[in-house]
Amino acid sequence: MSAGIRRTVGIMGTLTYGNGGGARISIDDRALSHLKVVIISKLRRQESFAVSWTHPCGSGPTGRTTIWVHPAIPLRFDFDEPEPPELNMRWIVGMTDEANQLGGVVLTPEAVAV
């Protein structure tokens, strides 16, 4: 499964979702770094929410995927890049605002700081 917010081919992290190895979801390292901040912040407060993304063209099935992020569901974040990126607070705030809404987070390209 691939979340498709790609910046550079080969710099894909993995979100492992669920027990027993769970589903392995490929997400651009930079996007995953930002999503991790939002997920940890929400789960620390015992809050559940949805995360959705569209499948990139040529990466398998077309369409979109949504997962339910809940404190009882194990998650693991693996990154290709050894160093964490500088975080874009505008992108994090946007994702956090979405996580607090009914539809949850929809992974989109990075918000550009103005």
Protein backbone atom coordinates (compact mmCIF):
# COMPACT_ATOMS: atom_id res chain seq x y z
CA MET A 1 0.00 0.00 0.00
CA SER A 2 1.42 3.39 -0.91
CA ALA A 3 0.30 6.80 0.28
CA GLY A 4 1.81 8.51 -2.71
CA ILE A 5 2.93 11.87 -1.40
CA ARG A 6 6.30 11.47 -3.11
CA ARG A 7 9.05 14.04 -3.33
CA THR A 8 11.97 11.92 -4.47
CA VAL A 9 11.88 8.28 -5.53
CA GLY A 10 13.63 6.04 -3.01
CA ILE A 11 13.04 8.20 0.04
CA MET A 12 10.00 6.33 1.26
CA GLY A 13 9.29 5.57 4.88
CA THR A 14 6.93 2.90 6.18
CA LEU A 15 4.06 3.14 8.62
CA THR A 16 3.36 -0.33 10.00
CA TYR A 17 -0.25 -0.44 11.15
CA GLY A 18 -1.68 -3.20 13.36
CA ASN A 19 -0.64 -6.41 15.13
CA GLY A 20 1.54 -9.23 13.82
CA GLY A 21 3.58 -7.04 11.52
CA GLY A 22 0.39 -5.33 10.36
CA ALA A 23 -0.14 -3.52 7.09
CA ARG A 24 2.98 -1.84 5.73
CA ILE A 25 2.11 1.55 4.24
CA SER A 26 4.75 3.36 2.17
CA ILE A 27 4.76 7.11 2.70
CA ASP A 28 7.29 9.73 1.64
CA ASP A 29 9.81 10.14 4.50
CA ARG A 30 9.14 13.87 4.86
CA ALA A 31 5.35 13.42 4.91
CA LEU A 32 5.67 10.54 7.38
CA SER A 33 7.83 12.67 9.69
CA HIS A 34 5.12 15.31 9.82
CA LEU A 35 2.29 12.79 10.14
CA LYS A 36 4.16 11.12 13.03
CA VAL A 37 4.10 14.37 15.03
CA VAL A 38 0.32 14.66 14.54
CA ILE A 39 -0.33 10.99 15.34
CA ILE A 40 1.76 11.01 18.52
CA SER A 41 0.16 14.25 19.68
CA LYS A 42 -3.36 12.87 19.18
CA LEU A 43 -2.66 9.44 20.67
CA ARG A 44 -0.99 10.99 23.71
CA ARG A 45 -4.41 12.51 24.46
CA GLN A 46 -6.15 9.16 23.74
CA GLU A 47 -7.84 10.66 20.65
CA SER A 48 -8.69 8.57 17.58
CA PHE A 49 -8.97 9.88 14.02
CA ALA A 50 -8.86 8.84 10.36
CA VAL A 51 -5.97 9.21 7.92
CA SER A 52 -6.72 9.03 4.18
CA TRP A 53 -4.73 9.24 0.96
CA THR A 54 -5.16 8.68 -2.74
CA HIS A 55 -3.10 6.04 -4.49
CA PRO A 56 -0.47 7.46 -6.85
CA CYS A 57 -0.74 6.62 -10.53
CA GLY A 58 1.20 3.52 -11.52
CA SER A 59 1.63 2.21 -7.96
CA GLY A 60 -0.98 -0.52 -8.04
CA PRO A 61 -4.69 -0.16 -7.39
CA THR A 62 -6.33 3.18 -8.09
CA GLY A 63 -8.57 4.93 -5.62
CA ARG A 64 -7.98 5.86 -2.01
CA THR A 65 -7.40 4.31 1.40
CA THR A 66 -8.45 5.34 4.91
CA ILE A 67 -7.15 3.91 8.18
CA TRP A 68 -8.49 4.49 11.69
CA VAL A 69 -5.76 5.57 14.10
CA HIS A 70 -6.62 4.49 17.66
CA PRO A 71 -4.50 4.21 20.84
CA ALA A 72 -5.09 0.41 20.96
CA ILE A 73 -3.73 -0.17 17.43
CA PRO A 74 0.06 -0.67 17.32
CA LEU A 75 2.00 1.64 14.98
CA ARG A 76 5.63 1.72 13.93
CA PHE A 77 7.38 4.44 11.92
CA ASP A 78 10.41 3.47 9.79
CA PHE A 79 12.34 6.07 7.80
CA ASP A 80 14.81 5.68 4.90
CA GLU A 81 16.63 8.90 5.81
CA PRO A 82 18.86 8.56 8.91
CA GLU A 83 18.35 12.21 9.97
CA PRO A 84 14.91 13.71 10.66
CA PRO A 85 13.96 16.60 8.37
CA GLU A 86 13.36 20.15 9.49
CA LEU A 87 9.64 20.27 10.24
CA ASN A 88 7.21 22.65 8.55
CA MET A 89 4.90 23.85 11.33
CA ARG A 90 2.33 25.09 8.80
CA TRP A 91 1.94 21.55 7.45
CA ILE A 92 1.71 20.09 10.98
CA VAL A 93 -0.92 22.65 12.03
CA GLY A 94 -2.92 21.91 8.87
CA MET A 95 -2.82 18.16 9.52
CA THR A 96 -3.72 18.67 13.18
CA ASP A 97 -6.68 20.85 12.25
CA GLU A 98 -7.86 18.13 9.82
CA ALA A 99 -7.39 15.42 12.46
CA ASN A 100 -9.80 17.33 14.69
CA GLN A 101 -12.48 17.35 11.97
CA LEU A 102 -14.95 14.61 11.04
CA GLY A 103 -13.10 13.59 7.85
CA GLY A 104 -9.70 13.27 9.53
CA VAL A 105 -6.30 13.88 7.94
CA VAL A 106 -6.08 13.71 4.16
CA LEU A 107 -2.45 13.43 3.07
CA THR A 108 -1.74 16.21 0.59
CA PRO A 109 1.44 17.82 -0.73
CA GLU A 110 3.37 19.89 1.76
CA ALA A 111 2.00 23.30 2.70
CA VAL A 112 4.49 25.97 1.68
CA ALA A 113 5.40 28.46 4.41
CA VAL A 114 4.66 32.05 3.41
